[in-house]
C-alpha atoms as a PDB file:
ATOM      1  CA  MET A   1      -0.760 -48.578 117.938  1.00  0.00           C
ATOM      2  CA  THR A   2      -0.765 -52.152 119.103  1.00  0.00           C
ATOM      3  CA  ARG A   3       1.049 -54.739 116.927  1.00  0.00           C
ATOM      4  CA  LEU A   4      -0.928 -57.829 116.350  1.00  0.00           C
ATOM      5  CA  SER A   5      -0.496 -60.977 114.263  1.00  0.00           C
ATOM      6  CA  VAL A   6      -3.636 -62.138 112.484  1.00  0.00           C
ATOM      7  CA  THR A   7      -4.292 -64.935 109.963  1.00  0.00           C
ATOM      8  CA  LEU A   8      -6.334 -63.882 106.960  1.00  0.00           C
ATOM      9  CA  ASP A   9      -8.432 -66.011 104.716  1.00  0.00           C
ATOM     10  CA  ASP A  10      -6.890 -66.183 101.277  1.00  0.00           C
ATOM     11  CA  PHE A  11      -9.920 -64.611  99.628  1.00  0.00           C
ATOM     12  CA  LEU A  12      -9.934 -61.758 102.120  1.00  0.00           C
ATOM     13  CA  GLU A  13      -6.165 -61.126 101.741  1.00  0.00           C
ATOM     14  CA  GLU A  14      -6.626 -60.955  97.947  1.00  0.00           C
ATOM     15  CA  GLN A  15      -9.366 -58.459  98.273  1.00  0.00           C
ATOM     16  CA  LEU A  16      -7.318 -56.353 100.709  1.00  0.00           C
ATOM     17  CA  ARG A  17      -4.463 -56.316  98.300  1.00  0.00           C
ATOM     18  CA  LYS A  18      -6.775 -55.079  95.498  1.00  0.00           C
ATOM     19  CA  VAL A  19      -7.956 -52.330  97.776  1.00  0.00           C
ATOM     20  CA  GLN A  20      -4.383 -51.486  98.662  1.00  0.00           C
ATOM     21  CA  GLY A  21      -3.541 -51.213  95.005  1.00  0.00           C
ATOM     22  CA  GLN A  22      -6.392 -48.878  94.270  1.00  0.00           C
ATOM     23  CA  LEU A  23      -5.562 -46.704  97.275  1.00  0.00           C
ATOM     24  CA  ILE A  24      -1.930 -46.420  96.000  1.00  0.00           C
ATOM     25  CA  ILE A  25      -3.156 -45.461  92.519  1.00  0.00           C
ATOM     26  CA  GLY A  26      -5.759 -43.041  93.949  1.00  0.00           C
ATOM     27  CA  ARG A  27      -3.453 -41.377  96.524  1.00  0.00           C
ATOM     28  CA  LYS A  28      -0.358 -41.499  94.205  1.00  0.00           C
ATOM     29  CA  ARG A  29       1.788 -42.631  97.126  1.00  0.00           C
ATOM     30  CA  ASP A  30       2.644 -45.834  99.048  1.00  0.00           C
ATOM     31  CA  VAL A  31      -0.157 -47.238 101.346  1.00  0.00           C
ATOM     32  CA  SER A  32       0.949 -50.008 103.705  1.00  0.00           C
ATOM     33  CA  PHE A  33      -1.066 -53.225 104.009  1.00  0.00           C
ATOM     34  CA  THR A  34      -1.659 -52.360 107.736  1.00  0.00           C
ATOM     35  CA  THR A  35      -3.137 -49.022 106.752  1.00  0.00           C
ATOM     36  CA  THR A  36      -5.291 -50.718 104.228  1.00  0.00           C
ATOM     37  CA  ALA A  37      -6.575 -53.259 106.699  1.00  0.00           C
ATOM     38  CA  ASN A  38      -7.251 -50.541 109.294  1.00  0.00           C
ATOM     39  CA  VAL A  39      -9.129 -48.476 106.659  1.00  0.00           C
ATOM     40  CA  VAL A  40     -11.292 -51.497 105.625  1.00  0.00           C
ATOM     41  CA  LEU A  41     -11.936 -52.313 109.188  1.00  0.00           C
ATOM     42  CA  MET A  42     -13.034 -48.839 110.144  1.00  0.00           C
ATOM     43  CA  GLY A  43     -15.246 -48.707 107.038  1.00  0.00           C
ATOM     44  CA  GLY A  44     -16.728 -52.009 108.020  1.00  0.00           C
ATOM     45  CA  ILE A  45     -17.444 -50.843 111.554  1.00  0.00           C
ATOM     46  CA  LEU A  46     -18.864 -47.517 110.599  1.00  0.00           C
ATOM     47  CA  GLY A  47     -20.904 -49.044 107.770  1.00  0.00           C
ATOM     48  CA  SER A  48     -22.162 -52.102 109.544  1.00  0.00           C
ATOM     49  CA  LYS A  49     -25.392 -50.414 110.484  1.00  0.00           C
ATOM     50  CA  TYR A  50     -26.225 -50.024 106.805  1.00  0.00           C
ATOM     51  CA  LEU A  51     -25.781 -53.781 105.997  1.00  0.00           C
ATOM     52  CA  LYS A  52     -28.761 -55.514 104.687  1.00  0.00           C
ATOM     53  CA  GLU A  53     -29.938 -59.027 105.714  1.00  0.00           C
ATOM     54  CA  LYS A  54     -28.299 -60.497 102.631  1.00  0.00           C
ATOM     55  CA  ASP A  55     -24.951 -59.026 103.714  1.00  0.00           C
ATOM     56  CA  TRP A  56     -25.256 -60.457 107.214  1.00  0.00           C
ATOM     57  CA  GLN A  57     -26.108 -63.834 105.678  1.00  0.00           C
ATOM     58  CA  HIS A  58     -22.840 -63.703 103.692  1.00  0.00           C
ATOM     59  CA  ILE A  59     -21.032 -63.025 106.958  1.00  0.00           C
ATOM     60  CA  ARG A  60     -22.802 -65.859 108.792  1.00  0.00           C
ATOM     61  CA  ASP A  61     -21.948 -68.189 105.864  1.00  0.00           C
ATOM     62  CA  PHE A  62     -18.322 -67.120 105.976  1.00  0.00           C
ATOM     63  CA  LEU A  63     -18.251 -67.793 109.759  1.00  0.00           C
ATOM     64  CA  ASN A  64     -19.758 -71.323 109.141  1.00  0.00           C
ATOM     65  CA  ASP A  65     -16.953 -72.010 106.634  1.00  0.00           C
ATOM     66  CA  LYS A  66     -19.268 -71.933 103.625  1.00  0.00           C
ATOM     67  CA  GLN A  67     -18.086 -70.696 100.358  1.00  0.00           C
ATOM     68  CA  ILE A  68     -19.236 -67.060  99.873  1.00  0.00           C
ATOM     69  CA  ASN A  69     -20.273 -65.731  96.459  1.00  0.00           C
ATOM     70  CA  ILE A  70     -20.034 -61.977  96.374  1.00  0.00           C
ATOM     71  CA  ASP A  71     -19.263 -59.419  93.732  1.00  0.00           C
ATOM     72  CA  ALA A  72     -15.896 -58.400  95.357  1.00  0.00           C
ATOM     73  CA  GLU A  73     -14.792 -56.382  92.408  1.00  0.00           C
ATOM     74  CA  GLY A  74     -18.041 -54.213  92.598  1.00  0.00           C
ATOM     75  CA  LEU A  75     -17.761 -53.952  96.369  1.00  0.00           C
ATOM     76  CA  THR A  76     -14.115 -52.808  96.119  1.00  0.00           C
ATOM     77  CA  ASP A  77     -14.921 -50.252  93.491  1.00  0.00           C
ATOM     78  CA  ASN A  78     -17.914 -48.789  95.605  1.00  0.00           C
ATOM     79  CA  TYR A  79     -15.740 -48.709  98.681  1.00  0.00           C
ATOM     80  CA  LEU A  80     -12.858 -47.018  96.976  1.00  0.00           C
ATOM     81  CA  ASN A  81     -15.089 -44.463  95.285  1.00  0.00           C
ATOM     82  CA  SER A  82     -16.549 -43.545  98.705  1.00  0.00           C
ATOM     83  CA  LEU A  83     -13.023 -42.645  99.875  1.00  0.00           C
ATOM     84  CA  LYS A  84     -12.549 -40.071  97.223  1.00  0.00           C
END
């Protein structure tokens, strides 16, 4: 595994930490932040073909430094439920 250093947007880090917490609760064992980030990245890559135009617009807005308004709580719940 390659070791990289990345800088995360504060909002994205917060969401990843929430996912990490839910993974720890669901699996009843420690899950590293690296594992959490890799799982979310894999999910995003595999699921990208199912994204709707609205989802891609949120991504474009994020790339253009616009404030994004998404239901992060609901997205996290849906994502974690799909892992069960």
